[in-house]
Amino acid sequence: VKRDISKESQAYQDAYNAAYAANANPSEPISGTAVIDQTHRNDGLYTKVPADGNDTFVGYEMAKKFDQQVVTLLRKVTIGKTTWVQVKLADGTVIWIDQLGLQTVNAKDVDYNATID
């Protein structure tokens, strides 16, 4: 009997993403700078994480490619036991990374109202 591993893998990934999305909180704005520190890590970078209406992870690159790059902090969200931080890379690309993969240089939570016209 031949098994379609790709369908099983996709089903697993869908269930994994749904479980994460069910435990996600809304993201919060933050500001400051940090350095991607992959000295003893091998994090993935994502263009989407299951938060703010997204229900899946969308991969981008491995963080080692950007090791020691200074990034701008934008948002954070805790999903399960992991805090994800949205950052802007030097080239302007906006991605998410596990907070443990960053060395914080200057960060603070911000809380403000804004009107978008």
PDB file of N, CA and C in Angstrom:
ATOM      1  N   VAL A   1       0.852  -1.176   0.000  1.00  0.00           N
ATOM      2  CA  VAL A   1       0.000   0.000   0.000  1.00  0.00           C
ATOM      3  C   VAL A   1       0.896   1.237   0.000  1.00  0.00           C
ATOM      4  N   LYS A   2       0.642   2.105  -0.940  1.00  0.00           N
ATOM      5  CA  LYS A   2       1.391   3.358  -1.047  1.00  0.00           C
ATOM      6  C   LYS A   2       0.717   4.435  -0.220  1.00  0.00           C
ATOM      7  N   ARG A   3       1.509   5.145   0.586  1.00  0.00           N
ATOM      8  CA  ARG A   3       0.971   6.236   1.394  1.00  0.00           C
ATOM      9  C   ARG A   3       1.388   7.560   0.775  1.00  0.00           C
ATOM     10  N   ASP A   4       0.467   8.503   0.768  1.00  0.00           N
ATOM     11  CA  ASP A   4       0.778   9.842   0.275  1.00  0.00           C
ATOM     12  C   ASP A   4       1.264  10.683   1.456  1.00  0.00           C
ATOM     13  N   ILE A   5       2.583  10.688   1.643  1.00  0.00           N
ATOM     14  CA  ILE A   5       3.189  11.388   2.770  1.00  0.00           C
ATOM     15  C   ILE A   5       2.902  12.886   2.708  1.00  0.00           C
ATOM     16  N   SER A   6       2.881  13.455   1.498  1.00  0.00           N
ATOM     17  CA  SER A   6       2.663  14.901   1.391  1.00  0.00           C
ATOM     18  C   SER A   6       1.291  15.295   1.938  1.00  0.00           C
ATOM     19  N   LYS A   7       0.270  14.473   1.696  1.00  0.00           N
ATOM     20  CA  LYS A   7      -1.058  14.781   2.226  1.00  0.00           C
ATOM     21  C   LYS A   7      -1.076  14.636   3.740  1.00  0.00           C
ATOM     22  N   GLU A   8      -0.392  13.610   4.268  1.00  0.00           N
ATOM     23  CA  GLU A   8      -0.323  13.435   5.714  1.00  0.00           C
ATOM     24  C   GLU A   8       0.433  14.594   6.352  1.00  0.00           C
ATOM     25  N   SER A   9       1.527  15.010   5.723  1.00  0.00           N
ATOM     26  CA  SER A   9       2.306  16.133   6.241  1.00  0.00           C
ATOM     27  C   SER A   9       1.488  17.403   6.243  1.00  0.00           C
ATOM     28  N   GLN A  10       0.724  17.622   5.174  1.00  0.00           N
ATOM     29  CA  GLN A  10      -0.109  18.818   5.090  1.00  0.00           C
ATOM     30  C   GLN A  10      -1.198  18.787   6.143  1.00  0.00           C
ATOM     31  N   ALA A  11      -1.789  17.628   6.372  1.00  0.00           N
ATOM     32  CA  ALA A  11      -2.826  17.504   7.399  1.00  0.00           C
ATOM     33  C   ALA A  11      -2.241  17.790   8.779  1.00  0.00           C
ATOM     34  N   TYR A  12      -1.043  17.276   9.033  1.00  0.00           N
ATOM     35  CA  TYR A  12      -0.373  17.548  10.305  1.00  0.00           C
ATOM     36  C   TYR A  12      -0.100  19.043  10.448  1.00  0.00           C
ATOM     37  N   GLN A  13       0.423  19.656   9.388  1.00  0.00           N
ATOM     38  CA  GLN A  13       0.746  21.085   9.432  1.00  0.00           C
ATOM     39  C   GLN A  13      -0.519  21.916   9.647  1.00  0.00           C
ATOM     40  N   ASP A  14      -1.604  21.552   8.986  1.00  0.00           N
ATOM     41  CA  ASP A  14      -2.870  22.265   9.173  1.00  0.00           C
ATOM     42  C   ASP A  14      -3.354  22.168  10.620  1.00  0.00           C
ATOM     43  N   ALA A  15      -3.258  20.978  11.221  1.00  0.00           N
ATOM     44  CA  ALA A  15      -3.683  20.796  12.605  1.00  0.00           C
ATOM     45  C   ALA A  15      -2.785  21.580  13.559  1.00  0.00           C
ATOM     46  N   TYR A  16      -1.488  21.570  13.287  1.00  0.00           N
ATOM     47  CA  TYR A  16      -0.522  22.310  14.093  1.00  0.00           C
ATOM     48  C   TYR A  16      -0.824  23.803  14.045  1.00  0.00           C
ATOM     49  N   ASN A  17      -1.057  24.332  12.849  1.00  0.00           N
ATOM     50  CA  ASN A  17      -1.363  25.755  12.696  1.00  0.00           C
ATOM     51  C   ASN A  17      -2.668  26.120  13.400  1.00  0.00           C
ATOM     52  N   ALA A  18      -3.679  25.260  13.280  1.00  0.00           N
ATOM     53  CA  ALA A  18      -4.967  25.535  13.917  1.00  0.00           C
ATOM     54  C   ALA A  18      -4.823  25.571  15.438  1.00  0.00           C
ATOM     55  N   ALA A  19      -4.010  24.658  15.987  1.00  0.00           N
ATOM     56  CA  ALA A  19      -3.793  24.643  17.431  1.00  0.00           C
ATOM     57  C   ALA A  19      -3.088  25.920  17.881  1.00  0.00           C
ATOM     58  N   TYR A  20      -2.108  26.370  17.116  1.00  0.00           N
ATOM     59  CA  TYR A  20      -1.421  27.618  17.443  1.00  0.00           C
ATOM     60  C   TYR A  20      -2.388  28.792  17.363  1.00  0.00           C
ATOM     61  N   ALA A  21      -3.176  28.849  16.297  1.00  0.00           N
ATOM     62  CA  ALA A  21      -4.096  29.973  16.103  1.00  0.00           C
ATOM     63  C   ALA A  21      -5.106  30.048  17.240  1.00  0.00           C
ATOM     64  N   ALA A  22      -5.536  28.910  17.745  1.00  0.00           N
ATOM     65  CA  ALA A  22      -6.511  28.888  18.828  1.00  0.00           C
ATOM     66  C   ALA A  22      -5.937  29.465  20.114  1.00  0.00           C
ATOM     67  N   ASN A  23      -4.619  29.432  20.257  1.00  0.00           N
ATOM     68  CA  ASN A  23      -3.966  29.919  21.471  1.00  0.00           C
ATOM     69  C   ASN A  23      -3.323  31.291  21.297  1.00  0.00           C
ATOM     70  N   ALA A  24      -3.541  31.930  20.170  1.00  0.00           N
ATOM     71  CA  ALA A  24      -2.882  33.206  19.890  1.00  0.00           C
ATOM     72  C   ALA A  24      -3.631  34.366  20.537  1.00  0.00           C
ATOM     73  N   ASN A  25      -2.883  35.315  20.991  1.00  0.00           N
ATOM     74  CA  ASN A  25      -3.433  36.574  21.483  1.00  0.00           C
ATOM     75  C   ASN A  25      -3.255  37.612  20.384  1.00  0.00           C
ATOM     76  N   PRO A  26      -3.993  38.723  20.425  1.00  0.00           N
ATOM     77  CA  PRO A  26      -3.729  39.786  19.456  1.00  0.00           C
ATOM     78  C   PRO A  26      -2.310  40.318  19.645  1.00  0.00           C
ATOM     79  N   SER A  27      -1.676  40.709  18.566  1.00  0.00           N
ATOM     80  CA  SER A  27      -0.322  41.253  18.690  1.00  0.00           C
ATOM     81  C   SER A  27      -0.386  42.658  19.290  1.00  0.00           C
ATOM     82  N   GLU A  28       0.743  43.064  19.892  1.00  0.00           N
ATOM     83  CA  GLU A  28       0.838  44.374  20.528  1.00  0.00           C
ATOM     84  C   GLU A  28       1.963  45.156  19.871  1.00  0.00           C
ATOM     85  N   PRO A  29       1.793  46.449  19.696  1.00  0.00           N
ATOM     86  CA  PRO A  29       2.891  47.247  19.128  1.00  0.00           C
ATOM     87  C   PRO A  29       4.045  47.386  20.125  1.00  0.00           C
ATOM     88  N   ILE A  30       5.256  47.334  19.612  1.00  0.00           N
ATOM     89  CA  ILE A  30       6.456  47.603  20.398  1.00  0.00           C
ATOM     90  C   ILE A  30       7.360  48.482  19.543  1.00  0.00           C
ATOM     91  N   SER A  31       8.378  49.030  20.137  1.00  0.00           N
ATOM     92  CA  SER A  31       9.316  49.834  19.357  1.00  0.00           C
ATOM     93  C   SER A  31      10.716  49.607  19.898  1.00  0.00           C
ATOM     94  N   GLY A  32      11.699  49.970  19.122  1.00  0.00           N
ATOM     95  CA  GLY A  32      13.083  49.833  19.524  1.00  0.00           C
ATOM     96  C   GLY A  32      13.876  49.093  18.468  1.00  0.00           C
ATOM     97  N   THR A  33      15.070  48.661  18.854  1.00  0.00           N
ATOM     98  CA  THR A  33      15.932  47.910  17.945  1.00  0.00           C
ATOM     99  C   THR A  33      16.467  46.679  18.666  1.00  0.00           C
ATOM    100  N   ALA A  34      16.896  45.707  17.881  1.00  0.00           N
ATOM    101  CA  ALA A  34      17.491  44.482  18.410  1.00  0.00           C
ATOM    102  C   ALA A  34      18.457  43.945  17.367  1.00  0.00           C
ATOM    103  N   VAL A  35      19.220  42.947  17.760  1.00  0.00           N
ATOM    104  CA  VAL A  35      20.147  42.275  16.857  1.00  0.00           C
ATOM    105  C   VAL A  35      19.706  40.819  16.745  1.00  0.00           C
ATOM    106  N   ILE A  36      19.609  40.300  15.533  1.00  0.00           N
ATOM    107  CA  ILE A  36      19.331  38.880  15.346  1.00  0.00           C
ATOM    108  C   ILE A  36      20.567  38.129  15.830  1.00  0.00           C
ATOM    109  N   ASP A  37      20.392  37.280  16.835  1.00  0.00           N
ATOM    110  CA  ASP A  37      21.509  36.548  17.435  1.00  0.00           C
ATOM    111  C   ASP A  37      21.265  35.045  17.297  1.00  0.00           C
ATOM    112  N   GLN A  38      21.948  34.448  16.354  1.00  0.00           N
ATOM    113  CA  GLN A  38      21.800  33.026  16.088  1.00  0.00           C
ATOM    114  C   GLN A  38      23.049  32.241  16.476  1.00  0.00           C
ATOM    115  N   THR A  39      23.833  32.807  17.390  1.00  0.00           N
ATOM    116  CA  THR A  39      25.074  32.168  17.810  1.00  0.00           C
ATOM    117  C   THR A  39      24.853  30.719  18.239  1.00  0.00           C
ATOM    118  N   HIS A  40      23.824  30.449  19.021  1.00  0.00           N
ATOM    119  CA  HIS A  40      23.542  29.102  19.509  1.00  0.00           C
ATOM    120  C   HIS A  40      22.125  28.669  19.145  1.00  0.00           C
ATOM    121  N   ARG A  41      21.586  29.224  18.065  1.00  0.00           N
ATOM    122  CA  ARG A  41      20.203  28.925  17.664  1.00  0.00           C
ATOM    123  C   ARG A  41      20.130  28.683  16.161  1.00  0.00           C
ATOM    124  N   ASN A  42      18.973  28.213  15.728  1.00  0.00           N
ATOM    125  CA  ASN A  42      18.728  27.980  14.309  1.00  0.00           C
ATOM    126  C   ASN A  42      17.254  28.272  14.020  1.00  0.00           C
ATOM    127  N   ASP A  43      16.846  29.523  14.261  1.00  0.00           N
ATOM    128  CA  ASP A  43      15.439  29.914  14.116  1.00  0.00           C
ATOM    129  C   ASP A  43      15.036  30.083  12.657  1.00  0.00           C
ATOM    130  N   GLY A  44      13.763  29.856  12.428  1.00  0.00           N
ATOM    131  CA  GLY A  44      13.172  30.201  11.147  1.00  0.00           C
ATOM    132  C   GLY A  44      12.596  31.600  11.218  1.00  0.00           C
ATOM    133  N   LEU A  45      12.502  32.247  10.069  1.00  0.00           N
ATOM    134  CA  LEU A  45      11.840  33.547   9.951  1.00  0.00           C
ATOM    135  C   LEU A  45      10.549  33.326   9.177  1.00  0.00           C
ATOM    136  N   TYR A  46       9.517  34.070   9.528  1.00  0.00           N
ATOM    137  CA  TYR A  46       8.196  33.870   8.934  1.00  0.00           C
ATOM    138  C   TYR A  46       7.595  35.201   8.516  1.00  0.00           C
ATOM    139  N   THR A  47       6.909  35.193   7.369  1.00  0.00           N
ATOM    140  CA  THR A  47       6.194  36.399   6.959  1.00  0.00           C
ATOM    141  C   THR A  47       4.844  36.486   7.657  1.00  0.00           C
ATOM    142  N   LYS A  48       4.330  35.338   8.115  1.00  0.00           N
ATOM    143  CA  LYS A  48       3.073  35.304   8.865  1.00  0.00           C
ATOM    144  C   LYS A  48       3.192  34.302   9.993  1.00  0.00           C
ATOM    145  N   VAL A  49       2.575  34.635  11.127  1.00  0.00           N
ATOM    146  CA  VAL A  49       2.379  33.694  12.226  1.00  0.00           C
ATOM    147  C   VAL A  49       0.891  33.703  12.549  1.00  0.00           C
ATOM    148  N   PRO A  50       0.394  32.664  13.216  1.00  0.00           N
ATOM    149  CA  PRO A  50      -1.043  32.628  13.496  1.00  0.00           C
ATOM    150  C   PRO A  50      -1.465  33.642  14.557  1.00  0.00           C
ATOM    151  N   ALA A  51      -1.670  34.859  14.121  1.00  0.00           N
ATOM    152  CA  ALA A  51      -2.112  35.950  14.998  1.00  0.00           C
ATOM    153  C   ALA A  51      -2.780  37.006  14.127  1.00  0.00           C
ATOM    154  N   ASP A  52      -3.575  37.841  14.732  1.00  0.00           N
ATOM    155  CA  ASP A  52      -4.212  38.959  14.024  1.00  0.00           C
ATOM    156  C   ASP A  52      -4.971  38.507  12.783  1.00  0.00           C
ATOM    157  N   GLY A  53      -5.684  37.395  12.901  1.00  0.00           N
ATOM    158  CA  GLY A  53      -6.506  36.923  11.794  1.00  0.00           C
ATOM    159  C   GLY A  53      -5.823  35.921  10.882  1.00  0.00           C
ATOM    160  N   ASN A  54      -4.518  35.771  10.979  1.00  0.00           N
ATOM    161  CA  ASN A  54      -3.828  34.734  10.209  1.00  0.00           C
ATOM    162  C   ASN A  54      -3.985  33.413  10.937  1.00  0.00           C
ATOM    163  N   ASP A  55      -4.047  32.322  10.186  1.00  0.00           N
ATOM    164  CA  ASP A  55      -4.216  31.028  10.840  1.00  0.00           C
ATOM    165  C   ASP A  55      -3.085  30.061  10.502  1.00  0.00           C
ATOM    166  N   THR A  56      -1.952  30.596  10.052  1.00  0.00           N
ATOM    167  CA  THR A  56      -0.878  29.712   9.641  1.00  0.00           C
ATOM    168  C   THR A  56       0.484  30.394   9.754  1.00  0.00           C
ATOM    169  N   PHE A  57       1.526  29.587   9.748  1.00  0.00           N
ATOM    170  CA  PHE A  57       2.886  30.087   9.605  1.00  0.00           C
ATOM    171  C   PHE A  57       3.218  30.102   8.126  1.00  0.00           C
ATOM    172  N   VAL A  58       3.872  31.151   7.651  1.00  0.00           N
ATOM    173  CA  VAL A  58       4.381  31.188   6.280  1.00  0.00           C
ATOM    174  C   VAL A  58       5.871  31.461   6.379  1.00  0.00           C
ATOM    175  N   GLY A  59       6.673  30.485   5.970  1.00  0.00           N
ATOM    176  CA  GLY A  59       8.117  30.575   6.099  1.00  0.00           C
ATOM    177  C   GLY A  59       8.742  31.572   5.146  1.00  0.00           C
ATOM    178  N   TYR A  60       9.884  32.094   5.549  1.00  0.00           N
ATOM    179  CA  TYR A  60      10.624  33.064   4.735  1.00  0.00           C
ATOM    180  C   TYR A  60      12.058  32.588   4.501  1.00  0.00           C
ATOM    181  N   GLU A  61      12.857  32.539   5.535  1.00  0.00           N
ATOM    182  CA  GLU A  61      14.272  32.158   5.455  1.00  0.00           C
ATOM    183  C   GLU A  61      14.697  31.619   6.809  1.00  0.00           C
ATOM    184  N   MET A  62      15.933  31.159   6.882  1.00  0.00           N
ATOM    185  CA  MET A  62      16.522  30.817   8.175  1.00  0.00           C
ATOM    186  C   MET A  62      17.200  32.071   8.735  1.00  0.00           C
ATOM    187  N   ALA A  63      17.075  32.268  10.037  1.00  0.00           N
ATOM    188  CA  ALA A  63      17.599  33.476  10.669  1.00  0.00           C
ATOM    189  C   ALA A  63      19.126  33.558  10.611  1.00  0.00           C
ATOM    190  N   LYS A  64      19.818  32.418  10.509  1.00  0.00           N
ATOM    191  CA  LYS A  64      21.287  32.454  10.450  1.00  0.00           C
ATOM    192  C   LYS A  64      21.788  33.323   9.306  1.00  0.00           C
ATOM    193  N   LYS A  65      21.013  33.402   8.232  1.00  0.00           N
ATOM    194  CA  LYS A  65      21.388  34.234   7.082  1.00  0.00           C
ATOM    195  C   LYS A  65      21.484  35.714   7.472  1.00  0.00           C
ATOM    196  N   PHE A  66      20.778  36.100   8.543  1.00  0.00           N
ATOM    197  CA  PHE A  66      20.720  37.499   8.968  1.00  0.00           C
ATOM    198  C   PHE A  66      21.389  37.709  10.330  1.00  0.00           C
ATOM    199  N   ASP A  67      22.188  36.726  10.754  1.00  0.00           N
ATOM    200  CA  ASP A  67      22.836  36.793  12.063  1.00  0.00           C
ATOM    201  C   ASP A  67      23.611  38.091  12.232  1.00  0.00           C
ATOM    202  N   GLN A  68      23.415  38.727  13.373  1.00  0.00           N
ATOM    203  CA  GLN A  68      24.057  39.982  13.780  1.00  0.00           C
ATOM    204  C   GLN A  68      23.518  41.224  13.060  1.00  0.00           C
ATOM    205  N   GLN A  69      22.442  41.075  12.292  1.00  0.00           N
ATOM    206  CA  GLN A  69      21.821  42.236  11.642  1.00  0.00           C
ATOM    207  C   GLN A  69      20.965  42.990  12.664  1.00  0.00           C
ATOM    208  N   VAL A  70      21.080  44.307  12.665  1.00  0.00           N
ATOM    209  CA  VAL A  70      20.236  45.151  13.515  1.00  0.00           C
ATOM    210  C   VAL A  70      18.869  45.275  12.835  1.00  0.00           C
ATOM    211  N   VAL A  71      17.819  45.077  13.629  1.00  0.00           N
ATOM    212  CA  VAL A  71      16.454  45.133  13.106  1.00  0.00           C
ATOM    213  C   VAL A  71      15.628  46.104  13.935  1.00  0.00           C
ATOM    214  N   THR A  72      14.544  46.588  13.344  1.00  0.00           N
ATOM    215  CA  THR A  72      13.595  47.464  14.027  1.00  0.00           C
ATOM    216  C   THR A  72      12.437  46.622  14.544  1.00  0.00           C
ATOM    217  N   LEU A  73      12.096  46.768  15.812  1.00  0.00           N
ATOM    218  CA  LEU A  73      11.001  46.026  16.428  1.00  0.00           C
ATOM    219  C   LEU A  73       9.667  46.689  16.097  1.00  0.00           C
ATOM    220  N   LEU A  74       8.658  45.872  15.723  1.00  0.00           N
ATOM    221  CA  LEU A  74       7.356  46.406  15.330  1.00  0.00           C
ATOM    222  C   LEU A  74       6.207  45.932  16.218  1.00  0.00           C
ATOM    223  N   ARG A  75       6.095  44.609  16.406  1.00  0.00           N
ATOM    224  CA  ARG A  75       4.978  44.041  17.161  1.00  0.00           C
ATOM    225  C   ARG A  75       5.456  42.783  17.873  1.00  0.00           C
ATOM    226  N   LYS A  76       4.676  42.330  18.860  1.00  0.00           N
ATOM    227  CA  LYS A  76       4.956  41.047  19.493  1.00  0.00           C
ATOM    228  C   LYS A  76       3.644  40.348  19.796  1.00  0.00           C
ATOM    229  N   VAL A  77       3.695  39.024  19.863  1.00  0.00           N
ATOM    230  CA  VAL A  77       2.521  38.229  20.200  1.00  0.00           C
ATOM    231  C   VAL A  77       3.006  36.948  20.871  1.00  0.00           C
ATOM    232  N   THR A  78       2.268  36.513  21.885  1.00  0.00           N
ATOM    233  CA  THR A  78       2.582  35.244  22.522  1.00  0.00           C
ATOM    234  C   THR A  78       1.596  34.204  22.014  1.00  0.00           C
ATOM    235  N   ILE A  79       2.158  33.109  21.504  1.00  0.00           N
ATOM    236  CA  ILE A  79       1.359  32.006  20.982  1.00  0.00           C
ATOM    237  C   ILE A  79       1.841  30.759  21.706  1.00  0.00           C
ATOM    238  N   GLY A  80       0.969  30.182  22.531  1.00  0.00           N
ATOM    239  CA  GLY A  80       1.416  29.065  23.354  1.00  0.00           C
ATOM    240  C   GLY A  80       2.465  29.570  24.332  1.00  0.00           C
ATOM    241  N   LYS A  81       3.647  28.951  24.316  1.00  0.00           N
ATOM    242  CA  LYS A  81       4.728  29.350  25.211  1.00  0.00           C
ATOM    243  C   LYS A  81       5.779  30.202  24.512  1.00  0.00           C
ATOM    244  N   THR A  82       5.540  30.533  23.249  1.00  0.00           N
ATOM    245  CA  THR A  82       6.537  31.268  22.469  1.00  0.00           C
ATOM    246  C   THR A  82       6.083  32.699  22.226  1.00  0.00           C
ATOM    247  N   THR A  83       6.992  33.647  22.432  1.00  0.00           N
ATOM    248  CA  THR A  83       6.724  35.037  22.071  1.00  0.00           C
ATOM    249  C   THR A  83       7.401  35.307  20.737  1.00  0.00           C
ATOM    250  N   TRP A  84       6.602  35.705  19.764  1.00  0.00           N
ATOM    251  CA  TRP A  84       7.081  36.037  18.425  1.00  0.00           C
ATOM    252  C   TRP A  84       7.180  37.551  18.305  1.00  0.00           C
ATOM    253  N   VAL A  85       8.231  38.020  17.657  1.00  0.00           N
ATOM    254  CA  VAL A  85       8.437  39.451  17.481  1.00  0.00           C
ATOM    255  C   VAL A  85       8.481  39.752  15.986  1.00  0.00           C
ATOM    256  N   GLN A  86       7.688  40.729  15.579  1.00  0.00           N
ATOM    257  CA  GLN A  86       7.719  41.178  14.186  1.00  0.00           C
ATOM    258  C   GLN A  86       8.783  42.260  14.085  1.00  0.00           C
ATOM    259  N   VAL A  87       9.694  42.092  13.114  1.00  0.00           N
ATOM    260  CA  VAL A  87      10.799  43.032  12.942  1.00  0.00           C
ATOM    261  C   VAL A  87      10.918  43.429  11.481  1.00  0.00           C
ATOM    262  N   LYS A  88      11.571  44.576  11.268  1.00  0.00           N
ATOM    263  CA  LYS A  88      11.877  45.018   9.912  1.00  0.00           C
ATOM    264  C   LYS A  88      13.376  44.833   9.692  1.00  0.00           C
ATOM    265  N   LEU A  89      13.721  44.067   8.648  1.00  0.00           N
ATOM    266  CA  LEU A  89      15.119  43.847   8.300  1.00  0.00           C
ATOM    267  C   LEU A  89      15.698  45.092   7.633  1.00  0.00           C
ATOM    268  N   ALA A  90      16.998  45.119   7.469  1.00  0.00           N
ATOM    269  CA  ALA A  90      17.677  46.267   6.857  1.00  0.00           C
ATOM    270  C   ALA A  90      17.160  46.576   5.462  1.00  0.00           C
ATOM    271  N   ASP A  91      16.730  45.527   4.721  1.00  0.00           N
ATOM    272  CA  ASP A  91      16.234  45.747   3.356  1.00  0.00           C
ATOM    273  C   ASP A  91      14.759  46.139   3.317  1.00  0.00           C
ATOM    274  N   GLY A  92      14.132  46.275   4.506  1.00  0.00           N
ATOM    275  CA  GLY A  92      12.728  46.686   4.568  1.00  0.00           C
ATOM    276  C   GLY A  92      11.749  45.533   4.690  1.00  0.00           C
ATOM    277  N   THR A  93      12.216  44.296   4.552  1.00  0.00           N
ATOM    278  CA  THR A  93      11.344  43.134   4.678  1.00  0.00           C
ATOM    279  C   THR A  93      10.858  43.004   6.111  1.00  0.00           C
ATOM    280  N   VAL A  94       9.564  42.747   6.282  1.00  0.00           N
ATOM    281  CA  VAL A  94       8.968  42.583   7.604  1.00  0.00           C
ATOM    282  C   VAL A  94       8.739  41.092   7.836  1.00  0.00           C
ATOM    283  N   ILE A  95       9.310  40.578   8.940  1.00  0.00           N
ATOM    284  CA  ILE A  95       9.218  39.150   9.257  1.00  0.00           C
ATOM    285  C   ILE A  95       8.958  38.965  10.750  1.00  0.00           C
ATOM    286  N   TRP A  96       8.642  37.731  11.132  1.00  0.00           N
ATOM    287  CA  TRP A  96       8.469  37.340  12.523  1.00  0.00           C
ATOM    288  C   TRP A  96       9.584  36.388  12.911  1.00  0.00           C
ATOM    289  N   ILE A  97      10.074  36.508  14.176  1.00  0.00           N
ATOM    290  CA  ILE A  97      11.107  35.641  14.709  1.00  0.00           C
ATOM    291  C   ILE A  97      10.801  35.363  16.176  1.00  0.00           C
ATOM    292  N   ASP A  98      11.199  34.187  16.652  1.00  0.00           N
ATOM    293  CA  ASP A  98      11.090  33.861  18.073  1.00  0.00           C
ATOM    294  C   ASP A  98      11.904  34.886  18.855  1.00  0.00           C
ATOM    295  N   GLN A  99      11.309  35.441  19.892  1.00  0.00           N
ATOM    296  CA  GLN A  99      11.975  36.463  20.700  1.00  0.00           C
ATOM    297  C   GLN A  99      13.339  35.993  21.210  1.00  0.00           C
ATOM    298  N   LEU A 100      13.492  34.696  21.461  1.00  0.00           N
ATOM    299  CA  LEU A 100      14.758  34.174  21.978  1.00  0.00           C
ATOM    300  C   LEU A 100      15.885  34.266  20.949  1.00  0.00           C
ATOM    301  N   GLY A 101      15.543  34.492  19.683  1.00  0.00           N
ATOM    302  CA  GLY A 101      16.542  34.643  18.626  1.00  0.00           C
ATOM    303  C   GLY A 101      17.013  36.072  18.452  1.00  0.00           C
ATOM    304  N   LEU A 102      16.587  36.950  19.359  1.00  0.00           N
ATOM    305  CA  LEU A 102      16.974  38.362  19.290  1.00  0.00           C
ATOM    306  C   LEU A 102      17.753  38.756  20.539  1.00  0.00           C
ATOM    307  N   GLN A 103      18.703  39.619  20.346  1.00  0.00           N
ATOM    308  CA  GLN A 103      19.390  40.262  21.464  1.00  0.00           C
ATOM    309  C   GLN A 103      18.877  41.696  21.486  1.00  0.00           C
ATOM    310  N   THR A 104      18.119  42.036  22.513  1.00  0.00           N
ATOM    311  CA  THR A 104      17.488  43.350  22.563  1.00  0.00           C
ATOM    312  C   THR A 104      18.513  44.433  22.837  1.00  0.00           C
ATOM    313  N   VAL A 105      18.476  45.466  22.022  1.00  0.00           N
ATOM    314  CA  VAL A 105      19.335  46.628  22.204  1.00  0.00           C
ATOM    315  C   VAL A 105      18.550  47.722  22.905  1.00  0.00           C
ATOM    316  N   ASN A 106      17.333  47.970  22.396  1.00  0.00           N
ATOM    317  CA  ASN A 106      16.499  49.040  22.922  1.00  0.00           C
ATOM    318  C   ASN A 106      15.066  48.703  22.554  1.00  0.00           C
ATOM    319  N   ALA A 107      14.237  48.412  23.549  1.00  0.00           N
ATOM    320  CA  ALA A 107      12.850  48.051  23.254  1.00  0.00           C
ATOM    321  C   ALA A 107      11.923  48.564  24.337  1.00  0.00           C
ATOM    322  N   LYS A 108      10.700  48.899  23.927  1.00  0.00           N
ATOM    323  CA  LYS A 108       9.673  49.265  24.902  1.00  0.00           C
ATOM    324  C   LYS A 108       8.312  49.007  24.296  1.00  0.00           C
ATOM    325  N   ASP A 109       7.376  48.634  25.159  1.00  0.00           N
ATOM    326  CA  ASP A 109       5.986  48.487  24.723  1.00  0.00           C
ATOM    327  C   ASP A 109       5.419  49.877  24.517  1.00  0.00           C
ATOM    328  N   VAL A 110       4.557  49.993  23.539  1.00  0.00           N
ATOM    329  CA  VAL A 110       3.910  51.284  23.311  1.00  0.00           C
ATOM    330  C   VAL A 110       2.410  51.062  23.331  1.00  0.00           C
ATOM    331  N   ASP A 111       1.691  52.052  23.758  1.00  0.00           N
ATOM    332  CA  ASP A 111       0.241  51.986  23.844  1.00  0.00           C
ATOM    333  C   ASP A 111      -0.299  53.347  23.434  1.00  0.00           C
ATOM    334  N   TYR A 112      -0.919  53.416  22.273  1.00  0.00           N
ATOM    335  CA  TYR A 112      -1.421  54.690  21.795  1.00  0.00           C
ATOM    336  C   TYR A 112      -2.588  54.454  20.854  1.00  0.00           C
ATOM    337  N   ASN A 113      -3.414  55.474  20.696  1.00  0.00           N
ATOM    338  CA  ASN A 113      -4.530  55.424  19.752  1.00  0.00           C
ATOM    339  C   ASN A 113      -4.084  56.095  18.461  1.00  0.00           C
ATOM    340  N   ALA A 114      -4.574  55.577  17.366  1.00  0.00           N
ATOM    341  CA  ALA A 114      -4.251  56.163  16.072  1.00  0.00           C
ATOM    342  C   ALA A 114      -5.490  56.183  15.206  1.00  0.00           C
ATOM    343  N   THR A 115      -5.574  57.172  14.357  1.00  0.00           N
ATOM    344  CA  THR A 115      -6.654  57.272  13.389  1.00  0.00           C
ATOM    345  C   THR A 115      -6.054  57.117  12.005  1.00  0.00           C
ATOM    346  N   ILE A 116      -6.625  56.198  11.230  1.00  0.00           N
ATOM    347  CA  ILE A 116      -6.147  55.981   9.867  1.00  0.00           C
ATOM    348  C   ILE A 116      -7.151  56.572   8.911  1.00  0.00           C
ATOM    349  N   ASP A 117      -6.710  57.499   8.103  1.00  0.00           N
ATOM    350  CA  ASP A 117      -7.597  58.119   7.116  1.00  0.00           C
ATOM    351  C   ASP A 117      -7.538  57.376   5.795  1.00  0.00           C
TER     352      ASP A 117
END
